[in-house]
Amino acid sequence: MIYTSYIKDQRLVNGEGLINELSYEKILWIDLYKASEEEKEKVEQYLDIKLQTRQESEEIESSSRYFETEDEVFANSNFLLSDNGIYKNEPVSFIIKNRILVSYRNVDLKAFSDTKRKIIVSSKVHSSGFDIFLSLFETRIDLDADFLERLSRDINSISKIITKEREPKEDIFLEITNHQETTMLLRENIIDKQRVMSAILKSEFFPKANYEVIRIMIKDIASLLDHNSFSFERLEYLQDTFMGLINIEQNKIIKIFTVATVLFMPPTLIAGIYGMNFEFMPELTIKYGYFVAITLMLLSAVVTLYIFNKKKWL
């Protein structure tokens, strides 16, 4: 599918298709979403460009994330995507030629829909594809900030659960691990944007008027990285706390078994002595020998328990 953003009555509007119906000078953004081979060829011929493959857009080398030719700017960046609570990075390719931005993606991304709405209602003037490109990344940075805020709230909830219940549960540990994976994925995503923005500052094509905005975006990205690192440290702290609670519970169980073992050692000794099959054992002829032996076993257990309690070992 081809979405086109173009100038109409001195305003920027969005439409579907239309690239053959509009003059070249009016088009600022061509967004390819789940485009067919025919649609891709149509755009390639219209702008005389070559769209990158998914494999090329997923390359992690710096030279693959952003590069320029004599008349084109190529950028590849990952956008965070949620799929039923599971987060993953989705690569998006950008090409800017003759001040027209071409974006190529295979999934619906909130950053794109939000940017298109902003373009319609905003009074900000978008005079070229460079402006729209930066607006997309500004929206993505805002969404990442919102995501980090939600992550912080989730971490606070986990912390309160651990502090309040004080009983380690497997679900809590799995939730902490899942948040750690998400935090690392988000960090990769943010660093990817930082690399692209830093490369733009060295660009010969981007208008110098946008450089101040780009520097502010780089500062915002740096603050997101700091917040992300803090969230990961909190998750590590919660994980250590969780493991500490498990150790405490295990120590309590081991302590109970240890105390029980020591309590039964003296009675077991007495029972072992009088359970021997020797012919001459004077106590065997005592009338109340059985009751004496039972009393000795109970008394030895009580004395041992008293000593443990006095030493505060219980």
C-alpha atoms as a PDB file:
ATOM      1  CA  MET A   1       0.000   0.000   0.000  1.00  0.00           C
ATOM      2  CA  ILE A   2       1.253   3.476  -0.860  1.00  0.00           C
ATOM      3  CA  TYR A   3       0.451   6.461   1.373  1.00  0.00           C
ATOM      4  CA  THR A   4       1.365   9.918   0.143  1.00  0.00           C
ATOM      5  CA  SER A   5       1.778  13.165   2.066  1.00  0.00           C
ATOM      6  CA  TYR A   6       1.590  16.198  -0.177  1.00  0.00           C
ATOM      7  CA  ILE A   7       0.965  19.934  -0.117  1.00  0.00           C
ATOM      8  CA  LYS A   8      -2.573  21.117  -0.797  1.00  0.00           C
ATOM      9  CA  ASP A   9      -3.735  24.708  -0.257  1.00  0.00           C
ATOM     10  CA  GLN A  10      -0.482  25.416   1.596  1.00  0.00           C
ATOM     11  CA  ARG A  11      -1.170  22.561   4.029  1.00  0.00           C
ATOM     12  CA  LEU A  12       0.204  19.068   4.261  1.00  0.00           C
ATOM     13  CA  VAL A  13      -2.387  16.309   3.810  1.00  0.00           C
ATOM     14  CA  ASN A  14      -2.258  12.518   3.578  1.00  0.00           C
ATOM     15  CA  GLY A  15      -3.743  10.308   0.908  1.00  0.00           C
ATOM     16  CA  GLU A  16      -3.544   6.787  -0.484  1.00  0.00           C
ATOM     17  CA  GLY A  17      -1.798   6.221  -3.776  1.00  0.00           C
ATOM     18  CA  LEU A  18      -1.889   9.451  -5.826  1.00  0.00           C
ATOM     19  CA  ILE A  19       1.789   9.563  -6.800  1.00  0.00           C
ATOM     20  CA  ASN A  20       0.894   9.610 -10.499  1.00  0.00           C
ATOM     21  CA  GLU A  21      -1.834  12.195  -9.922  1.00  0.00           C
ATOM     22  CA  LEU A  22       0.316  14.799  -8.162  1.00  0.00           C
ATOM     23  CA  SER A  23       3.072  17.038  -9.394  1.00  0.00           C
ATOM     24  CA  TYR A  24       6.538  16.006  -8.320  1.00  0.00           C
ATOM     25  CA  GLU A  25       7.143  19.235  -6.377  1.00  0.00           C
ATOM     26  CA  LYS A  26       4.119  18.821  -4.103  1.00  0.00           C
ATOM     27  CA  ILE A  27       4.984  15.380  -2.705  1.00  0.00           C
ATOM     28  CA  LEU A  28       6.976  15.318   0.553  1.00  0.00           C
ATOM     29  CA  TRP A  29       6.503  11.760   1.859  1.00  0.00           C
ATOM     30  CA  ILE A  30       5.779   8.382   0.261  1.00  0.00           C
ATOM     31  CA  ASP A  31       5.097   5.690   2.856  1.00  0.00           C
ATOM     32  CA  LEU A  32       5.166   2.092   1.633  1.00  0.00           C
ATOM     33  CA  TYR A  33       3.267  -0.211   3.993  1.00  0.00           C
ATOM     34  CA  LYS A  34       3.119  -3.927   3.119  1.00  0.00           C
ATOM     35  CA  ALA A  35       3.710  -2.863  -0.461  1.00  0.00           C
ATOM     36  CA  SER A  36       3.391  -5.352  -3.276  1.00  0.00           C
ATOM     37  CA  GLU A  37       6.161  -5.860  -5.820  1.00  0.00           C
ATOM     38  CA  GLU A  38       4.165  -3.826  -8.311  1.00  0.00           C
ATOM     39  CA  GLU A  39       3.810  -0.925  -5.884  1.00  0.00           C
ATOM     40  CA  LYS A  40       7.514  -1.004  -5.031  1.00  0.00           C
ATOM     41  CA  GLU A  41       8.473  -0.965  -8.702  1.00  0.00           C
ATOM     42  CA  LYS A  42       6.084   1.921  -9.235  1.00  0.00           C
ATOM     43  CA  VAL A  43       7.811   4.037  -6.574  1.00  0.00           C
ATOM     44  CA  GLU A  44      11.274   3.004  -7.732  1.00  0.00           C
ATOM     45  CA  GLN A  45      10.514   4.113 -11.256  1.00  0.00           C
ATOM     46  CA  TYR A  46       8.799   7.305 -10.134  1.00  0.00           C
ATOM     47  CA  LEU A  47      11.812   8.497  -8.111  1.00  0.00           C
ATOM     48  CA  ASP A  48      14.527   6.545  -9.914  1.00  0.00           C
ATOM     49  CA  ILE A  49      15.643   4.814  -6.703  1.00  0.00           C
ATOM     50  CA  LYS A  50      16.322   1.278  -5.499  1.00  0.00           C
ATOM     51  CA  LEU A  51      14.541   0.174  -2.314  1.00  0.00           C
ATOM     52  CA  GLN A  52      16.581  -1.802   0.180  1.00  0.00           C
ATOM     53  CA  THR A  53      15.771  -5.400   1.024  1.00  0.00           C
ATOM     54  CA  ARG A  54      14.846  -6.460   4.550  1.00  0.00           C
ATOM     55  CA  GLN A  55      18.220  -8.132   4.934  1.00  0.00           C
ATOM     56  CA  GLU A  56      19.987  -4.882   4.042  1.00  0.00           C
ATOM     57  CA  SER A  57      17.841  -2.883   6.476  1.00  0.00           C
ATOM     58  CA  GLU A  58      18.702  -5.314   9.308  1.00  0.00           C
ATOM     59  CA  GLU A  59      22.459  -4.945   8.907  1.00  0.00           C
ATOM     60  CA  ILE A  60      24.005  -3.592  12.124  1.00  0.00           C
ATOM     61  CA  GLU A  61      27.151  -2.022  10.687  1.00  0.00           C
ATOM     62  CA  SER A  62      27.339   1.758  10.969  1.00  0.00           C
ATOM     63  CA  SER A  63      27.757   2.043   7.207  1.00  0.00           C
ATOM     64  CA  SER A  64      24.447   0.190   6.794  1.00  0.00           C
ATOM     65  CA  ARG A  65      22.495   2.258   9.312  1.00  0.00           C
ATOM     66  CA  TYR A  66      23.127   5.563   7.529  1.00  0.00           C
ATOM     67  CA  PHE A  67      24.920   6.465   4.307  1.00  0.00           C
ATOM     68  CA  GLU A  68      24.689   8.970   1.468  1.00  0.00           C
ATOM     69  CA  THR A  69      25.316   9.015  -2.247  1.00  0.00           C
ATOM     70  CA  GLU A  70      25.557  11.978  -4.605  1.00  0.00           C
ATOM     71  CA  ASP A  71      21.819  12.663  -4.526  1.00  0.00           C
ATOM     72  CA  GLU A  72      20.295  10.216  -2.009  1.00  0.00           C
ATOM     73  CA  VAL A  73      20.216   9.677   1.743  1.00  0.00           C
ATOM     74  CA  PHE A  74      19.732   6.130   3.080  1.00  0.00           C
ATOM     75  CA  ALA A  75      18.831   5.372   6.693  1.00  0.00           C
ATOM     76  CA  ASN A  76      17.800   2.168   8.458  1.00  0.00           C
ATOM     77  CA  SER A  77      16.430   2.100  11.968  1.00  0.00           C
ATOM     78  CA  ASN A  78      14.629  -0.309  14.278  1.00  0.00           C
ATOM     79  CA  PHE A  79      11.240   0.589  15.727  1.00  0.00           C
ATOM     80  CA  LEU A  80       9.952  -1.156  18.848  1.00  0.00           C
ATOM     81  CA  LEU A  81       6.891  -3.278  18.170  1.00  0.00           C
ATOM     82  CA  SER A  82       4.559  -4.967  20.671  1.00  0.00           C
ATOM     83  CA  ASP A  83       3.026  -8.274  19.622  1.00  0.00           C
ATOM     84  CA  ASN A  84       0.638  -9.586  22.307  1.00  0.00           C
ATOM     85  CA  GLY A  85       2.892  -8.308  25.080  1.00  0.00           C
ATOM     86  CA  ILE A  86       6.058  -9.595  23.393  1.00  0.00           C
ATOM     87  CA  TYR A  87       8.358  -6.838  22.187  1.00  0.00           C
ATOM     88  CA  LYS A  88      10.631  -7.015  19.169  1.00  0.00           C
ATOM     89  CA  ASN A  89      12.537  -4.683  16.867  1.00  0.00           C
ATOM     90  CA  GLU A  90      11.067  -4.050  13.431  1.00  0.00           C
ATOM     91  CA  PRO A  91      13.457  -2.618  10.786  1.00  0.00           C
ATOM     92  CA  VAL A  92      12.314   0.355   8.703  1.00  0.00           C
ATOM     93  CA  SER A  93      14.145   1.747   5.669  1.00  0.00           C
ATOM     94  CA  PHE A  94      14.249   5.408   4.654  1.00  0.00           C
ATOM     95  CA  ILE A  95      15.392   7.081   1.475  1.00  0.00           C
ATOM     96  CA  ILE A  96      15.439  10.829   0.859  1.00  0.00           C
ATOM     97  CA  LYS A  97      15.848  12.043  -2.682  1.00  0.00           C
ATOM     98  CA  ASN A  98      14.977  15.440  -4.114  1.00  0.00           C
ATOM     99  CA  ARG A  99      13.603  16.420  -0.688  1.00  0.00           C
ATOM    100  CA  ILE A 100      11.051  13.550  -0.857  1.00  0.00           C
ATOM    101  CA  LEU A 101      11.066  11.000   1.968  1.00  0.00           C
ATOM    102  CA  VAL A 102      10.345   7.359   1.130  1.00  0.00           C
ATOM    103  CA  SER A 103       9.727   4.967   4.038  1.00  0.00           C
ATOM    104  CA  TYR A 104       9.421   1.227   3.596  1.00  0.00           C
ATOM    105  CA  ARG A 105       7.922  -1.012   6.337  1.00  0.00           C
ATOM    106  CA  ASN A 106       6.034  -4.279   6.700  1.00  0.00           C
ATOM    107  CA  VAL A 107       4.066  -3.707   9.915  1.00  0.00           C
ATOM    108  CA  ASP A 108       1.768  -1.075  11.354  1.00  0.00           C
ATOM    109  CA  LEU A 109       3.761   1.201  13.662  1.00  0.00           C
ATOM    110  CA  LYS A 110       2.276   3.700  16.099  1.00  0.00           C
ATOM    111  CA  ALA A 111       5.042   6.209  15.383  1.00  0.00           C
ATOM    112  CA  PHE A 112       3.896   6.487  11.760  1.00  0.00           C
ATOM    113  CA  SER A 113       0.179   6.858  12.497  1.00  0.00           C
ATOM    114  CA  ASP A 114       0.878   9.414  15.243  1.00  0.00           C
ATOM    115  CA  THR A 115       3.196  11.394  12.977  1.00  0.00           C
ATOM    116  CA  LYS A 116       0.604  11.513  10.212  1.00  0.00           C
ATOM    117  CA  ARG A 117      -1.995  12.849  12.637  1.00  0.00           C
ATOM    118  CA  LYS A 118       0.455  15.475  13.895  1.00  0.00           C
ATOM    119  CA  ILE A 119       1.201  16.558  10.347  1.00  0.00           C
ATOM    120  CA  ILE A 120      -2.489  17.179   9.708  1.00  0.00           C
ATOM    121  CA  VAL A 121      -3.291  19.118  12.895  1.00  0.00           C
ATOM    122  CA  SER A 122       0.078  20.771  13.553  1.00  0.00           C
ATOM    123  CA  SER A 123       0.810  24.323  12.587  1.00  0.00           C
ATOM    124  CA  LYS A 124       4.462  23.376  12.121  1.00  0.00           C
ATOM    125  CA  VAL A 125       5.615  23.839   8.547  1.00  0.00           C
ATOM    126  CA  HIS A 126       6.987  20.703   6.905  1.00  0.00           C
ATOM    127  CA  SER A 127       8.763  21.953   3.842  1.00  0.00           C
ATOM    128  CA  SER A 128      10.620  18.770   2.899  1.00  0.00           C
ATOM    129  CA  GLY A 129      11.072  15.080   3.567  1.00  0.00           C
ATOM    130  CA  PHE A 130      13.902  15.971   5.955  1.00  0.00           C
ATOM    131  CA  ASP A 131      11.395  17.639   8.303  1.00  0.00           C
ATOM    132  CA  ILE A 132       9.061  14.635   8.185  1.00  0.00           C
ATOM    133  CA  PHE A 133      11.972  12.262   8.804  1.00  0.00           C
ATOM    134  CA  LEU A 134      12.899  14.169  11.963  1.00  0.00           C
ATOM    135  CA  SER A 135       9.228  14.326  13.041  1.00  0.00           C
ATOM    136  CA  LEU A 136       9.047  10.534  12.808  1.00  0.00           C
ATOM    137  CA  PHE A 137      12.059  10.151  15.063  1.00  0.00           C
ATOM    138  CA  GLU A 138      10.745  12.787  17.487  1.00  0.00           C
ATOM    139  CA  THR A 139       7.517  10.796  17.779  1.00  0.00           C
ATOM    140  CA  ARG A 140       9.482   7.570  18.276  1.00  0.00           C
ATOM    141  CA  ILE A 141      11.533   9.190  21.064  1.00  0.00           C
ATOM    142  CA  ASP A 142       8.319  10.361  22.772  1.00  0.00           C
ATOM    143  CA  LEU A 143       6.878   6.841  22.517  1.00  0.00           C
ATOM    144  CA  ASP A 144      10.065   5.372  23.977  1.00  0.00           C
ATOM    145  CA  ALA A 145       9.804   7.828  26.881  1.00  0.00           C
ATOM    146  CA  ASP A 146       6.199   6.758  27.484  1.00  0.00           C
ATOM    147  CA  PHE A 147       7.264   3.125  27.355  1.00  0.00           C
ATOM    148  CA  LEU A 148       9.997   3.742  29.927  1.00  0.00           C
ATOM    149  CA  GLU A 149       7.454   5.409  32.224  1.00  0.00           C
ATOM    150  CA  ARG A 150       5.165   2.371  31.980  1.00  0.00           C
ATOM    151  CA  LEU A 151       8.144   0.116  32.634  1.00  0.00           C
ATOM    152  CA  SER A 152       9.008   2.135  35.746  1.00  0.00           C
ATOM    153  CA  ARG A 153       5.449   1.752  37.030  1.00  0.00           C
ATOM    154  CA  ASP A 154       5.630  -2.009  36.472  1.00  0.00           C
ATOM    155  CA  ILE A 155       8.924  -2.165  38.355  1.00  0.00           C
ATOM    156  CA  ASN A 156       7.373  -0.211  41.248  1.00  0.00           C
ATOM    157  CA  SER A 157       4.485  -2.685  41.348  1.00  0.00           C
ATOM    158  CA  ILE A 158       6.867  -5.645  41.474  1.00  0.00           C
ATOM    159  CA  SER A 159       8.860  -3.956  44.234  1.00  0.00           C
ATOM    160  CA  LYS A 160       5.710  -3.417  46.317  1.00  0.00           C
ATOM    161  CA  ILE A 161       4.641  -7.043  45.831  1.00  0.00           C
ATOM    162  CA  ILE A 162       8.025  -8.350  46.995  1.00  0.00           C
ATOM    163  CA  THR A 163       8.101  -5.964  49.975  1.00  0.00           C
ATOM    164  CA  LYS A 164       4.521  -6.639  51.029  1.00  0.00           C
ATOM    165  CA  GLU A 165       4.176 -10.381  50.553  1.00  0.00           C
ATOM    166  CA  ARG A 166       7.765 -11.356  51.398  1.00  0.00           C
ATOM    167  CA  GLU A 167       7.062 -14.731  49.825  1.00  0.00           C
ATOM    168  CA  PRO A 168       9.011 -15.498  46.669  1.00  0.00           C
ATOM    169  CA  LYS A 169       6.880 -16.783  43.809  1.00  0.00           C
ATOM    170  CA  GLU A 170       8.042 -18.121  40.481  1.00  0.00           C
ATOM    171  CA  ASP A 171       5.733 -15.759  38.563  1.00  0.00           C
ATOM    172  CA  ILE A 172       7.477 -12.721  40.062  1.00  0.00           C
ATOM    173  CA  PHE A 173      10.896 -14.024  39.049  1.00  0.00           C
ATOM    174  CA  LEU A 174       9.693 -14.688  35.497  1.00  0.00           C
ATOM    175  CA  GLU A 175       8.177 -11.203  35.335  1.00  0.00           C
ATOM    176  CA  ILE A 176      11.460  -9.618  36.439  1.00  0.00           C
ATOM    177  CA  THR A 177      13.359 -11.629  33.826  1.00  0.00           C
ATOM    178  CA  ASN A 178      10.881 -10.620  31.125  1.00  0.00           C
ATOM    179  CA  HIS A 179      11.255  -6.936  32.027  1.00  0.00           C
ATOM    180  CA  GLN A 180      15.037  -7.291  31.878  1.00  0.00           C
ATOM    181  CA  GLU A 181      14.834  -8.695  28.360  1.00  0.00           C
ATOM    182  CA  THR A 182      12.500  -5.868  27.336  1.00  0.00           C
ATOM    183  CA  THR A 183      14.787  -3.255  28.887  1.00  0.00           C
ATOM    184  CA  MET A 184      17.799  -4.591  26.977  1.00  0.00           C
ATOM    185  CA  LEU A 185      15.784  -4.641  23.756  1.00  0.00           C
ATOM    186  CA  LEU A 186      14.694  -1.046  24.323  1.00  0.00           C
ATOM    187  CA  ARG A 187      18.299  -0.034  24.971  1.00  0.00           C
ATOM    188  CA  GLU A 188      19.348  -1.531  21.624  1.00  0.00           C
ATOM    189  CA  ASN A 189      16.508   0.370  19.980  1.00  0.00           C
ATOM    190  CA  ILE A 190      17.488   3.689  21.561  1.00  0.00           C
ATOM    191  CA  ILE A 191      21.184   3.266  20.733  1.00  0.00           C
ATOM    192  CA  ASP A 192      20.210   2.550  17.135  1.00  0.00           C
ATOM    193  CA  LYS A 193      18.423   5.912  16.930  1.00  0.00           C
ATOM    194  CA  GLN A 194      21.390   7.610  18.563  1.00  0.00           C
ATOM    195  CA  ARG A 195      23.695   6.263  15.858  1.00  0.00           C
ATOM    196  CA  VAL A 196      21.408   7.514  13.103  1.00  0.00           C
ATOM    197  CA  MET A 197      21.021  10.979  14.647  1.00  0.00           C
ATOM    198  CA  SER A 198      24.773  11.300  15.217  1.00  0.00           C
ATOM    199  CA  ALA A 199      25.420  10.346  11.593  1.00  0.00           C
ATOM    200  CA  ILE A 200      22.961  12.999  10.390  1.00  0.00           C
ATOM    201  CA  LEU A 201      25.061  15.728  12.053  1.00  0.00           C
ATOM    202  CA  LYS A 202      27.812  14.828   9.584  1.00  0.00           C
ATOM    203  CA  SER A 203      25.427  14.903   6.646  1.00  0.00           C
ATOM    204  CA  GLU A 204      25.955  17.159   3.653  1.00  0.00           C
ATOM    205  CA  PHE A 205      22.292  16.987   2.639  1.00  0.00           C
ATOM    206  CA  PHE A 206      20.331  17.811   5.789  1.00  0.00           C
ATOM    207  CA  PRO A 207      19.472  21.500   6.094  1.00  0.00           C
ATOM    208  CA  LYS A 208      21.657  23.298   8.616  1.00  0.00           C
ATOM    209  CA  ALA A 209      18.509  24.783  10.155  1.00  0.00           C
ATOM    210  CA  ASN A 210      17.615  21.313  11.474  1.00  0.00           C
ATOM    211  CA  TYR A 211      20.891  20.782  13.307  1.00  0.00           C
ATOM    212  CA  GLU A 212      19.739  22.393  16.540  1.00  0.00           C
ATOM    213  CA  VAL A 213      16.661  20.149  16.587  1.00  0.00           C
ATOM    214  CA  ILE A 214      18.878  17.124  15.958  1.00  0.00           C
ATOM    215  CA  ARG A 215      21.174  18.061  18.857  1.00  0.00           C
ATOM    216  CA  ILE A 216      18.162  18.358  21.170  1.00  0.00           C
ATOM    217  CA  MET A 217      16.962  14.940  19.997  1.00  0.00           C
ATOM    218  CA  ILE A 218      20.395  13.451  20.738  1.00  0.00           C
ATOM    219  CA  LYS A 219      20.215  14.900  24.278  1.00  0.00           C
ATOM    220  CA  ASP A 220      16.739  13.414  24.718  1.00  0.00           C
ATOM    221  CA  ILE A 221      18.047  10.050  23.534  1.00  0.00           C
ATOM    222  CA  ALA A 222      20.920  10.259  26.031  1.00  0.00           C
ATOM    223  CA  SER A 223      18.457  10.940  28.864  1.00  0.00           C
ATOM    224  CA  LEU A 224      16.409   7.910  27.755  1.00  0.00           C
ATOM    225  CA  LEU A 225      19.551   5.771  27.901  1.00  0.00           C
ATOM    226  CA  ASP A 226      20.234   6.987  31.453  1.00  0.00           C
ATOM    227  CA  HIS A 227      16.656   6.197  32.481  1.00  0.00           C
ATOM    228  CA  ASN A 228      16.897   2.817  30.792  1.00  0.00           C
ATOM    229  CA  SER A 229      20.122   1.991  32.665  1.00  0.00           C
ATOM    230  CA  PHE A 230      18.497   3.001  35.952  1.00  0.00           C
ATOM    231  CA  SER A 231      15.511   0.740  35.243  1.00  0.00           C
ATOM    232  CA  PHE A 232      17.802  -2.184  34.462  1.00  0.00           C
ATOM    233  CA  GLU A 233      19.733  -1.611  37.706  1.00  0.00           C
ATOM    234  CA  ARG A 234      16.458  -1.602  39.646  1.00  0.00           C
ATOM    235  CA  LEU A 235      15.464  -4.886  38.026  1.00  0.00           C
ATOM    236  CA  GLU A 236      18.820  -6.381  38.988  1.00  0.00           C
ATOM    237  CA  TYR A 237      18.289  -5.160  42.554  1.00  0.00           C
ATOM    238  CA  LEU A 238      14.809  -6.717  42.646  1.00  0.00           C
ATOM    239  CA  GLN A 239      16.216  -9.954  41.257  1.00  0.00           C
ATOM    240  CA  ASP A 240      18.880  -9.999  43.988  1.00  0.00           C
ATOM    241  CA  THR A 241      16.186  -9.258  46.585  1.00  0.00           C
ATOM    242  CA  PHE A 242      14.053 -12.080  45.218  1.00  0.00           C
ATOM    243  CA  MET A 243      16.964 -14.528  45.366  1.00  0.00           C
ATOM    244  CA  GLY A 244      17.750 -13.336  48.894  1.00  0.00           C
ATOM    245  CA  LEU A 245      14.177 -14.096  49.993  1.00  0.00           C
ATOM    246  CA  ILE A 246      14.451 -17.552  48.450  1.00  0.00           C
ATOM    247  CA  ASN A 247      17.678 -18.155  50.383  1.00  0.00           C
ATOM    248  CA  ILE A 248      16.003 -17.008  53.595  1.00  0.00           C
ATOM    249  CA  GLU A 249      13.088 -19.403  53.023  1.00  0.00           C
ATOM    250  CA  GLN A 250      15.468 -22.260  52.260  1.00  0.00           C
ATOM    251  CA  ASN A 251      17.538 -21.464  55.348  1.00  0.00           C
ATOM    252  CA  LYS A 252      14.387 -21.553  57.469  1.00  0.00           C
ATOM    253  CA  ILE A 253      13.488 -24.978  56.118  1.00  0.00           C
ATOM    254  CA  ILE A 254      17.026 -26.290  56.638  1.00  0.00           C
ATOM    255  CA  LYS A 255      17.015 -24.830  60.142  1.00  0.00           C
ATOM    256  CA  ILE A 256      13.786 -26.652  61.002  1.00  0.00           C
ATOM    257  CA  PHE A 257      15.222 -29.961  59.803  1.00  0.00           C
ATOM    258  CA  THR A 258      18.471 -29.318  61.700  1.00  0.00           C
ATOM    259  CA  VAL A 259      16.642 -28.540  64.954  1.00  0.00           C
ATOM    260  CA  ALA A 260      14.393 -31.577  64.540  1.00  0.00           C
ATOM    261  CA  THR A 261      17.435 -33.788  63.912  1.00  0.00           C
ATOM    262  CA  VAL A 262      19.264 -32.509  67.006  1.00  0.00           C
ATOM    263  CA  LEU A 263      16.117 -32.838  69.163  1.00  0.00           C
ATOM    264  CA  PHE A 264      15.761 -36.502  68.305  1.00  0.00           C
ATOM    265  CA  MET A 265      19.447 -37.366  68.737  1.00  0.00           C
ATOM    266  CA  PRO A 266      19.400 -37.827  72.599  1.00  0.00           C
ATOM    267  CA  PRO A 267      16.127 -39.850  72.586  1.00  0.00           C
ATOM    268  CA  THR A 268      17.538 -41.950  69.730  1.00  0.00           C
ATOM    269  CA  LEU A 269      20.716 -42.581  71.756  1.00  0.00           C
ATOM    270  CA  ILE A 270      18.717 -43.740  74.765  1.00  0.00           C
ATOM    271  CA  ALA A 271      16.470 -45.897  72.619  1.00  0.00           C
ATOM    272  CA  GLY A 272      19.566 -47.366  70.918  1.00  0.00           C
ATOM    273  CA  ILE A 273      21.219 -48.262  74.248  1.00  0.00           C
ATOM    274  CA  TYR A 274      18.203 -50.062  75.672  1.00  0.00           C
ATOM    275  CA  GLY A 275      17.451 -51.655  72.340  1.00  0.00           C
ATOM    276  CA  MET A 276      20.685 -53.680  72.407  1.00  0.00           C
ATOM    277  CA  ASN A 277      20.291 -57.435  72.797  1.00  0.00           C
ATOM    278  CA  PHE A 278      22.753 -58.137  75.611  1.00  0.00           C
ATOM    279  CA  GLU A 279      21.897 -60.834  78.133  1.00  0.00           C
ATOM    280  CA  PHE A 280      22.924 -58.914  81.230  1.00  0.00           C
ATOM    281  CA  MET A 281      21.330 -55.446  81.306  1.00  0.00           C
ATOM    282  CA  PRO A 282      20.332 -54.512  84.881  1.00  0.00           C
ATOM    283  CA  GLU A 283      17.766 -51.892  83.812  1.00  0.00           C
ATOM    284  CA  LEU A 284      15.760 -54.539  81.947  1.00  0.00           C
ATOM    285  CA  THR A 285      14.680 -56.081  85.246  1.00  0.00           C
ATOM    286  CA  ILE A 286      13.461 -52.816  86.777  1.00  0.00           C
ATOM    287  CA  LYS A 287       9.674 -52.780  87.127  1.00  0.00           C
ATOM    288  CA  TYR A 288       9.298 -49.225  85.832  1.00  0.00           C
ATOM    289  CA  GLY A 289      12.262 -49.328  83.447  1.00  0.00           C
ATOM    290  CA  TYR A 290      10.108 -48.692  80.380  1.00  0.00           C
ATOM    291  CA  PHE A 291       8.583 -45.550  81.860  1.00  0.00           C
ATOM    292  CA  VAL A 292      11.998 -44.379  83.052  1.00  0.00           C
ATOM    293  CA  ALA A 293      13.400 -44.759  79.521  1.00  0.00           C
ATOM    294  CA  ILE A 294      10.452 -42.870  77.984  1.00  0.00           C
ATOM    295  CA  THR A 295      10.879 -40.106  80.593  1.00  0.00           C
ATOM    296  CA  LEU A 296      14.611 -39.845  79.878  1.00  0.00           C
ATOM    297  CA  MET A 297      13.933 -39.530  76.129  1.00  0.00           C
ATOM    298  CA  LEU A 298      11.321 -36.809  76.602  1.00  0.00           C
ATOM    299  CA  LEU A 299      13.465 -34.987  79.146  1.00  0.00           C
ATOM    300  CA  SER A 300      16.522 -35.035  76.853  1.00  0.00           C
ATOM    301  CA  ALA A 301      14.454 -33.578  74.016  1.00  0.00           C
ATOM    302  CA  VAL A 302      13.018 -30.841  76.282  1.00  0.00           C
ATOM    303  CA  VAL A 303      16.472 -29.925  77.651  1.00  0.00           C
ATOM    304  CA  THR A 304      17.891 -29.699  74.113  1.00  0.00           C
ATOM    305  CA  LEU A 305      14.976 -27.493  73.033  1.00  0.00           C
ATOM    306  CA  TYR A 306      15.509 -25.267  76.089  1.00  0.00           C
ATOM    307  CA  ILE A 307      19.215 -24.826  75.281  1.00  0.00           C
ATOM    308  CA  PHE A 308      18.420 -23.939  71.650  1.00  0.00           C
ATOM    309  CA  ASN A 309      15.845 -21.396  72.771  1.00  0.00           C
ATOM    310  CA  LYS A 310      18.186 -19.848  75.366  1.00  0.00           C
ATOM    311  CA  LYS A 311      20.959 -19.519  72.795  1.00  0.00           C
ATOM    312  CA  LYS A 312      18.394 -17.931  70.418  1.00  0.00           C
ATOM    313  CA  TRP A 313      19.145 -20.504  67.735  1.00  0.00           C
ATOM    314  CA  LEU A 314      15.471 -20.954  66.976  1.00  0.00           C
END
